[in-house]
Amino acid sequence: SSQAPVVSCDGIFTLASILNVTVRIKNYMEEREIWSEPQRVDLYLAVKAFQPVLTVVKSTAASALVSWQSSGDGSCRLRHRLSTTDIWTEFVPVHGRQTRLFTIKDLLPFSVYRAAVACRGETGFWSDWSSDVTLRTLERAPSGAPEVCYRLEKTTSGGSSLLHLMWKVDCAGGRVLGYQLSYAPTKKKQQLLQQQSTILNTTELTALLVVKERYYSVNITAFNTAGLGPATSCHLEPDQSYNISVFPVSGELCGPPQALPASLQHGALLEAVRLQQVGVTKTTVTVMWAWQRRTEPIRVSRYRVMLRSDSEEQVLSVWPDQSEHTFLNLTPNTEYSVLLLADDASRELIPIKTDFGESQRLF
């Protein structure tokens, strides 16, 4: 490793020269060296191709068009990689001396890549890789529509309601900068009134709107710098009640449904009331209750009827299509309590004692 300056003596060689070149390999670990066989080199053919210059022409969300000027009739190879990785992907474009154009495809949208090109001259020697250029793919508008749910809540002020909106996008298909929400009153489902919709932009996944008691149409869509994605439309109907039924299914057989009337404004519209005893024997107790329609919100997830004593307990979940139940396999001459539960809170309680004999007493 001499510190003396290196003097280039280009003039001692001419392109017409023919040389015998021998390569020496020295192993410093084993302190020995190996000499190759002499190789004939024609300097006219030992010419390295000039380093090409790569230029970015244009880009889309999934591709980039690049160009370069090459010397010689040999092929060129192009490589590219994401700026966040060191792994290159190589392509071999067309042959021929010309200004090359090549489209790099299957790129990720809104991403930064590095690209370079190298070309082979007429004598077969490759040029150095060109300086890296930066490729920036364009953004693609979201391709996924939001999944939307909503709830209407009545207020005490002049017929207005609070519209609670919530949404999510599981597979947006592109970067999401925010969401555009538009809503307008309608005369009926899917028929807009002749007035401008109200448009709101937000980065949240929820919104709270004050609306009048009328039909409304609401559209929600994700967006970014490339534009708007597909919208999800909701059509709100005031004071609309629904009957929600759940059917048990086994193979191709369907059982009787469990049904519950409900509205978007108030949730469930029935509550269980008036628990009473209707029959008792030595080992059974029969109770009955009623379902009462309500217009105000009923914040109850489930109703249950529970029979219990000091040593045993039976619990049954009840639905609006059921108003009577018989508890079986009870202990004779035993005191029980039957409770009507709303969630885990007791609404009503009646004491019952089973008989000594087998005869049934009706009330």
Protein backbone atom coordinates (compact mmCIF):
# COMPACT_ATOMS: atom_id res chain seq x y z
CA SER A 1 0.00 0.00 0.00
CA SER A 2 2.35 2.67 -1.27
CA GLN A 3 1.50 6.29 -0.47
CA ALA A 4 3.25 7.50 -3.62
CA PRO A 5 1.01 9.06 -6.33
CA VAL A 6 -0.07 6.75 -9.15
CA VAL A 7 1.10 7.88 -12.57
CA SER A 8 -1.04 6.85 -15.53
CA CYS A 9 0.88 5.96 -18.65
CA ASP A 10 -1.88 5.68 -21.21
CA GLY A 11 0.51 6.43 -24.02
CA ILE A 12 2.46 3.19 -23.71
CA PHE A 13 -0.52 1.23 -25.09
CA THR A 14 -2.12 1.47 -28.51
CA LEU A 15 -5.40 -0.02 -29.63
CA ALA A 16 -3.47 -2.23 -32.04
CA SER A 17 -1.54 -3.87 -29.20
CA ILE A 18 -1.90 -7.54 -28.36
CA LEU A 19 -0.84 -8.44 -24.84
CA ASN A 20 -0.38 -11.58 -22.78
CA VAL A 21 -1.89 -10.94 -19.36
CA THR A 22 -1.11 -13.05 -16.32
CA VAL A 23 -3.01 -12.69 -13.04
CA ARG A 24 -1.29 -13.28 -9.73
CA ILE A 25 -3.31 -14.32 -6.67
CA LYS A 26 -1.53 -14.03 -3.34
CA ASN A 27 -2.79 -15.72 -0.18
CA TYR A 28 -1.44 -13.75 2.76
CA MET A 29 -2.82 -16.23 5.28
CA GLU A 30 -0.84 -19.13 3.82
CA GLU A 31 1.93 -16.90 2.46
CA ARG A 32 1.79 -18.36 -1.00
CA GLU A 33 0.78 -17.11 -4.42
CA ILE A 34 -0.77 -18.56 -7.57
CA TRP A 35 -0.15 -17.40 -11.15
CA SER A 36 -2.72 -17.89 -13.87
CA GLU A 37 -1.98 -19.06 -17.37
CA PRO A 38 -1.14 -16.20 -19.75
CA GLN A 39 -4.24 -14.85 -21.50
CA ARG A 40 -4.07 -13.13 -24.90
CA VAL A 41 -5.84 -9.75 -24.84
CA ASP A 42 -6.52 -7.69 -27.94
CA LEU A 43 -6.76 -4.09 -26.69
CA TYR A 44 -9.05 -3.14 -29.56
CA LEU A 45 -11.65 -5.56 -28.19
CA ALA A 46 -10.99 -4.85 -24.48
CA VAL A 47 -13.11 -1.71 -24.45
CA LYS A 48 -15.63 -1.11 -21.70
CA ALA A 49 -18.97 0.40 -22.69
CA PHE A 50 -19.69 3.95 -21.60
CA GLN A 51 -21.79 4.40 -18.47
CA PRO A 52 -25.38 5.17 -19.56
CA VAL A 53 -27.56 7.91 -18.10
CA LEU A 54 -31.02 6.87 -16.92
CA THR A 55 -33.98 9.28 -17.05
CA VAL A 56 -37.49 8.96 -15.66
CA VAL A 57 -40.08 9.89 -18.32
CA LYS A 58 -43.34 9.45 -16.36
CA SER A 59 -44.96 7.26 -13.73
CA THR A 60 -48.40 5.94 -12.80
CA ALA A 61 -49.71 4.29 -9.65
CA ALA A 62 -48.33 0.88 -10.73
CA SER A 63 -45.59 1.57 -13.33
CA ALA A 64 -42.79 3.88 -14.41
CA LEU A 65 -41.46 4.68 -17.91
CA VAL A 66 -37.68 5.22 -18.10
CA SER A 67 -35.26 5.93 -20.98
CA TRP A 68 -31.51 5.89 -21.62
CA GLN A 69 -29.02 6.17 -24.48
CA SER A 70 -26.69 3.22 -24.99
CA SER A 71 -23.59 2.70 -27.13
CA GLY A 72 -22.96 -0.46 -29.11
CA ASP A 73 -25.37 -3.12 -30.24
CA GLY A 74 -25.32 -5.16 -27.04
CA SER A 75 -28.12 -5.60 -24.56
CA CYS A 76 -28.84 -3.58 -21.47
CA ARG A 77 -30.11 -4.63 -18.08
CA LEU A 78 -32.25 -2.53 -15.82
CA ARG A 79 -32.66 -2.98 -12.10
CA HIS A 80 -34.94 -1.39 -9.53
CA ARG A 81 -35.75 -1.75 -5.84
CA LEU A 82 -37.86 -0.16 -3.16
CA SER A 83 -35.96 2.56 -1.35
CA THR A 84 -36.59 0.69 1.90
CA THR A 85 -34.84 -2.53 0.82
CA ASP A 86 -31.48 -3.61 -0.63
CA ILE A 87 -32.90 -6.32 -2.92
CA TRP A 88 -32.73 -5.46 -6.65
CA THR A 89 -34.97 -6.78 -9.41
CA GLU A 90 -33.37 -6.98 -12.88
CA PHE A 91 -34.93 -6.80 -16.37
CA VAL A 92 -33.30 -7.35 -19.78
CA PRO A 93 -34.92 -5.06 -22.39
CA VAL A 94 -34.58 -5.11 -26.20
CA HIS A 95 -31.32 -5.13 -28.16
CA GLY A 96 -30.02 -2.59 -30.62
CA ARG A 97 -28.32 0.80 -30.65
CA GLN A 98 -31.03 3.29 -29.87
CA THR A 99 -32.60 5.37 -27.16
CA ARG A 100 -34.17 2.76 -24.97
CA LEU A 101 -37.63 3.03 -23.44
CA PHE A 102 -38.80 0.55 -20.85
CA THR A 103 -41.87 0.37 -18.62
CA ILE A 104 -41.29 -1.07 -15.16
CA LYS A 105 -44.58 -2.67 -14.15
CA ASP A 106 -46.19 -4.16 -11.04
CA LEU A 107 -44.99 -1.39 -8.75
CA LEU A 108 -46.69 -0.44 -5.52
CA PRO A 109 -48.72 2.78 -5.52
CA PHE A 110 -47.45 5.81 -3.62
CA SER A 111 -43.98 4.29 -3.18
CA VAL A 112 -40.37 5.37 -3.79
CA TYR A 113 -38.03 3.20 -5.86
CA ARG A 114 -34.39 3.41 -6.97
CA ALA A 115 -33.42 2.33 -10.51
CA ALA A 116 -30.21 1.97 -12.54
CA VAL A 117 -29.16 0.59 -15.94
CA ALA A 118 -26.00 -1.00 -17.36
CA CYS A 119 -25.26 -1.77 -21.04
CA ARG A 120 -22.93 -4.14 -22.87
CA GLY A 121 -20.78 -2.88 -25.71
CA GLU A 122 -19.99 -4.54 -29.04
CA THR A 123 -17.02 -6.33 -27.51
CA GLY A 124 -19.10 -7.90 -24.75
CA PHE A 125 -17.91 -5.91 -21.76
CA TRP A 126 -20.54 -4.41 -19.45
CA SER A 127 -20.54 -0.76 -18.49
CA ASP A 128 -20.71 0.39 -14.92
CA TRP A 129 -24.18 0.82 -13.50
CA SER A 130 -25.61 4.24 -14.12
CA SER A 131 -26.23 6.58 -11.24
CA ASP A 132 -29.41 5.65 -9.38
CA VAL A 133 -32.53 7.62 -10.22
CA THR A 134 -35.57 8.01 -7.99
CA LEU A 135 -38.96 6.69 -9.12
CA ARG A 136 -42.07 7.87 -7.34
CA THR A 137 -45.30 6.07 -8.19
CA LEU A 138 -48.55 8.00 -8.00
CA GLU A 139 -51.23 7.47 -5.41
CA ARG A 140 -54.24 5.30 -6.20
CA ALA A 141 -57.71 6.21 -4.98
CA PRO A 142 -59.10 3.82 -2.34
CA SER A 143 -60.90 0.86 -3.88
CA GLY A 144 -62.75 -0.36 -0.80
CA ALA A 145 -66.09 1.05 0.38
CA PRO A 146 -66.59 1.69 4.12
CA GLU A 147 -68.77 -0.58 6.24
CA VAL A 148 -71.27 1.73 7.97
CA CYS A 149 -73.60 1.35 10.93
CA TYR A 150 -75.83 4.03 12.44
CA ARG A 151 -78.29 4.78 15.23
CA LEU A 152 -80.99 7.45 15.54
CA GLU A 153 -81.65 8.98 18.94
CA LYS A 154 -84.58 11.27 19.61
CA THR A 155 -84.02 14.54 21.45
CA THR A 156 -86.37 16.80 23.38
CA SER A 157 -85.90 19.75 21.01
CA GLY A 158 -88.46 20.32 18.27
CA GLY A 159 -88.57 16.99 16.47
CA SER A 160 -84.79 16.74 15.91
CA SER A 161 -82.81 13.53 16.24
CA LEU A 162 -79.16 12.71 16.78
CA LEU A 163 -77.71 10.53 14.05
CA HIS A 164 -74.78 8.45 15.35
CA LEU A 165 -72.60 7.16 12.50
CA MET A 166 -69.70 4.71 12.71
CA TRP A 167 -67.68 3.13 9.89
CA LYS A 168 -64.52 1.20 9.03
CA VAL A 169 -62.58 0.11 5.93
CA ASP A 170 -60.99 -3.33 6.28
CA CYS A 171 -59.36 -3.36 2.81
CA ALA A 172 -59.03 0.18 1.49
CA GLY A 173 -56.83 -0.75 -1.52
CA GLY A 174 -54.84 2.46 -1.08
CA ARG A 175 -53.77 5.07 1.42
CA VAL A 176 -56.66 6.76 3.26
CA LEU A 177 -56.22 10.41 4.19
CA GLY A 178 -59.78 10.92 5.40
CA TYR A 179 -63.46 10.35 4.79
CA GLN A 180 -66.08 12.43 3.02
CA LEU A 181 -69.57 12.35 4.46
CA SER A 182 -72.54 13.82 2.58
CA TYR A 183 -76.16 13.79 3.67
CA ALA A 184 -79.43 15.31 2.49
CA PRO A 185 -83.13 14.91 3.27
CA THR A 186 -85.23 12.84 0.88
CA LYS A 187 -88.93 12.45 0.21
CA LYS A 188 -88.62 8.70 0.34
CA LYS A 189 -85.97 6.06 -0.07
CA GLN A 190 -83.41 6.89 -2.81
CA GLN A 191 -85.17 10.06 -3.94
CA LEU A 192 -83.22 13.22 -3.10
CA LEU A 193 -84.85 16.56 -2.55
CA GLN A 194 -83.90 19.37 -4.88
CA GLN A 195 -81.36 20.97 -2.58
CA GLN A 196 -77.64 20.76 -2.05
CA SER A 197 -76.28 18.01 0.15
CA THR A 198 -74.25 18.88 3.23
CA ILE A 199 -70.66 17.65 2.81
CA LEU A 200 -68.23 17.07 5.68
CA ASN A 201 -64.61 15.87 5.59
CA THR A 202 -63.17 14.09 8.60
CA THR A 203 -60.30 11.85 9.65
CA GLU A 204 -62.38 10.21 12.39
CA LEU A 205 -64.31 6.93 12.14
CA THR A 206 -67.42 8.35 13.81
CA ALA A 207 -69.73 11.32 13.30
CA LEU A 208 -72.66 12.85 15.18
CA LEU A 209 -75.25 14.76 13.14
CA VAL A 210 -78.41 16.62 14.11
CA VAL A 211 -81.21 15.74 11.67
CA LYS A 212 -84.94 16.36 11.45
CA GLU A 213 -87.47 13.55 11.64
CA ARG A 214 -87.65 12.78 7.94
CA TYR A 215 -86.07 10.50 5.39
CA TYR A 216 -82.34 11.07 4.87
CA SER A 217 -79.74 9.75 2.46
CA VAL A 218 -76.15 9.49 3.77
CA ASN A 219 -73.05 8.68 1.69
CA ILE A 220 -69.60 7.91 3.17
CA THR A 221 -66.44 7.38 1.11
CA ALA A 222 -62.68 7.24 1.77
CA PHE A 223 -60.34 9.59 -0.11
CA ASN A 224 -56.70 10.51 -0.67
CA THR A 225 -54.81 12.80 -3.07
CA ALA A 226 -55.80 10.58 -6.03
CA GLY A 227 -59.53 11.06 -5.43
CA LEU A 228 -62.56 9.45 -3.85
CA GLY A 229 -63.15 5.74 -3.44
CA PRO A 230 -66.50 3.93 -3.78
CA ALA A 231 -69.23 5.22 -1.47
CA THR A 232 -71.52 3.41 0.93
CA SER A 233 -75.08 4.75 0.99
CA CYS A 234 -77.47 4.59 3.93
CA HIS A 235 -81.15 5.49 3.67
CA LEU A 236 -82.68 6.49 7.01
CA GLU A 237 -86.39 6.05 7.66
CA PRO A 238 -87.91 7.77 10.72
CA ASP A 239 -89.99 5.78 13.22
CA GLN A 240 -89.48 2.59 11.26
CA SER A 241 -89.96 -0.60 13.27
CA TYR A 242 -88.44 -3.96 12.37
CA ASN A 243 -89.09 -7.53 13.41
CA ILE A 244 -85.76 -9.28 13.94
CA SER A 245 -85.93 -13.08 13.77
CA VAL A 246 -83.23 -15.67 14.41
CA PHE A 247 -83.78 -19.19 13.00
CA PRO A 248 -81.90 -22.24 14.35
CA VAL A 249 -80.49 -24.29 11.45
CA SER A 250 -79.20 -27.88 11.44
CA GLY A 251 -78.19 -29.15 8.01
CA GLU A 252 -81.20 -28.48 5.77
CA LEU A 253 -83.67 -28.20 8.66
CA CYS A 254 -84.87 -24.89 10.14
CA GLY A 255 -86.41 -24.60 13.59
CA PRO A 256 -88.96 -22.07 14.84
CA PRO A 257 -87.54 -18.52 15.04
CA GLN A 258 -86.94 -16.33 18.03
CA ALA A 259 -88.34 -12.89 17.14
CA LEU A 260 -87.94 -9.42 18.61
CA PRO A 261 -89.52 -6.14 17.43
CA ALA A 262 -87.10 -3.20 17.41
CA SER A 263 -86.54 0.25 15.98
CA LEU A 264 -83.44 2.22 15.09
CA GLN A 265 -84.50 4.97 17.45
CA HIS A 266 -85.26 2.95 20.56
CA GLY A 267 -83.76 -0.50 20.14
CA ALA A 268 -85.97 -3.30 21.56
CA LEU A 269 -89.61 -2.22 21.87
CA LEU A 270 -90.86 -4.90 24.29
CA GLU A 271 -90.16 -5.53 27.96
CA ALA A 272 -91.11 -8.47 30.18
CA VAL A 273 -93.51 -7.64 33.06
CA ARG A 274 -96.09 -9.15 35.45
CA LEU A 275 -94.44 -12.40 36.50
CA GLN A 276 -96.96 -14.76 38.18
CA GLN A 277 -97.37 -18.36 39.28
CA VAL A 278 -99.93 -20.39 37.31
CA GLY A 279 -99.28 -23.94 38.45
CA VAL A 280 -97.39 -26.00 41.02
CA THR A 281 -97.03 -29.74 41.73
CA LYS A 282 -94.73 -31.89 43.82
CA THR A 283 -91.84 -31.56 41.29
CA THR A 284 -92.82 -28.75 38.90
CA VAL A 285 -93.56 -25.05 38.94
CA THR A 286 -95.20 -23.17 36.05
CA VAL A 287 -94.89 -19.39 35.76
CA MET A 288 -96.18 -16.84 33.24
CA TRP A 289 -95.21 -13.31 32.29
CA ALA A 290 -96.38 -10.70 29.79
CA TRP A 291 -94.62 -8.66 27.11
CA GLN A 292 -95.41 -4.95 27.13
CA ARG A 293 -94.73 -2.63 24.19
CA ARG A 294 -92.84 0.56 25.00
CA THR A 295 -92.17 3.74 23.04
CA GLU A 296 -89.18 4.85 25.09
CA PRO A 297 -85.72 3.27 24.79
CA ILE A 298 -85.30 -0.06 26.61
CA ARG A 299 -81.65 -0.54 27.52
CA VAL A 300 -81.81 -4.28 28.24
CA SER A 301 -79.66 -6.87 26.47
CA ARG A 302 -81.62 -9.94 27.63
CA TYR A 303 -84.43 -11.11 29.91
CA ARG A 304 -84.21 -14.27 32.00
CA VAL A 305 -86.45 -16.22 34.40
CA MET A 306 -84.62 -17.81 37.32
CA LEU A 307 -85.85 -20.38 39.87
CA ARG A 308 -83.63 -20.92 42.88
CA SER A 309 -83.51 -22.38 46.36
CA ASP A 310 -80.76 -22.88 48.89
CA SER A 311 -79.50 -25.93 47.01
CA GLU A 312 -80.45 -25.60 43.34
CA GLU A 313 -80.93 -23.09 40.54
CA GLN A 314 -82.46 -23.07 37.03
CA VAL A 315 -82.17 -20.18 34.58
CA LEU A 316 -83.95 -19.65 31.25
CA SER A 317 -83.41 -16.87 28.67
CA VAL A 318 -86.79 -15.69 27.36
CA TRP A 319 -87.90 -14.05 24.10
CA PRO A 320 -91.06 -12.16 23.09
CA ASP A 321 -92.57 -15.27 21.47
CA GLN A 322 -92.48 -17.07 24.82
CA SER A 323 -94.60 -16.12 27.85
CA GLU A 324 -94.75 -19.31 29.94
CA HIS A 325 -92.32 -21.88 31.31
CA THR A 326 -92.43 -24.97 33.54
CA PHE A 327 -89.46 -25.76 35.78
CA LEU A 328 -89.04 -29.55 36.13
CA ASN A 329 -87.36 -32.03 38.47
CA LEU A 330 -87.88 -29.98 41.62
CA THR A 331 -87.76 -31.18 45.23
CA PRO A 332 -91.15 -31.77 46.93
CA ASN A 333 -92.19 -29.55 49.84
CA THR A 334 -89.42 -27.04 49.14
CA GLU A 335 -89.48 -23.26 49.12
CA TYR A 336 -88.30 -21.61 45.91
CA SER A 337 -87.98 -18.06 44.56
CA VAL A 338 -88.76 -17.22 40.94
CA LEU A 339 -87.16 -14.02 39.62
CA LEU A 340 -87.65 -12.03 36.44
CA LEU A 341 -84.20 -10.64 35.49
CA ALA A 342 -83.44 -7.75 33.14
CA ASP A 343 -79.77 -8.33 32.34
CA ASP A 344 -78.53 -9.13 35.88
CA ALA A 345 -81.01 -6.94 37.78
CA SER A 346 -84.11 -8.43 39.41
CA ARG A 347 -87.35 -6.80 38.20
CA GLU A 348 -89.88 -9.07 39.98
CA LEU A 349 -89.75 -11.89 42.55
CA ILE A 350 -92.41 -14.37 43.73
CA PRO A 351 -92.03 -17.07 46.44
CA ILE A 352 -93.31 -20.58 45.62
CA LYS A 353 -93.44 -23.84 47.59
CA THR A 354 -93.80 -27.24 45.92
CA ASP A 355 -96.55 -29.65 47.05
CA PHE A 356 -96.43 -32.76 49.18
CA GLY A 357 -98.55 -34.76 46.75
CA GLU A 358 -98.81 -35.28 43.02
CA SER A 359 -102.02 -33.29 42.46
CA GLN A 360 -101.69 -29.98 40.62
CA ARG A 361 -103.06 -26.72 42.00
CA LEU A 362 -104.05 -24.04 39.49
CA PHE A 363 -104.38 -20.37 40.30
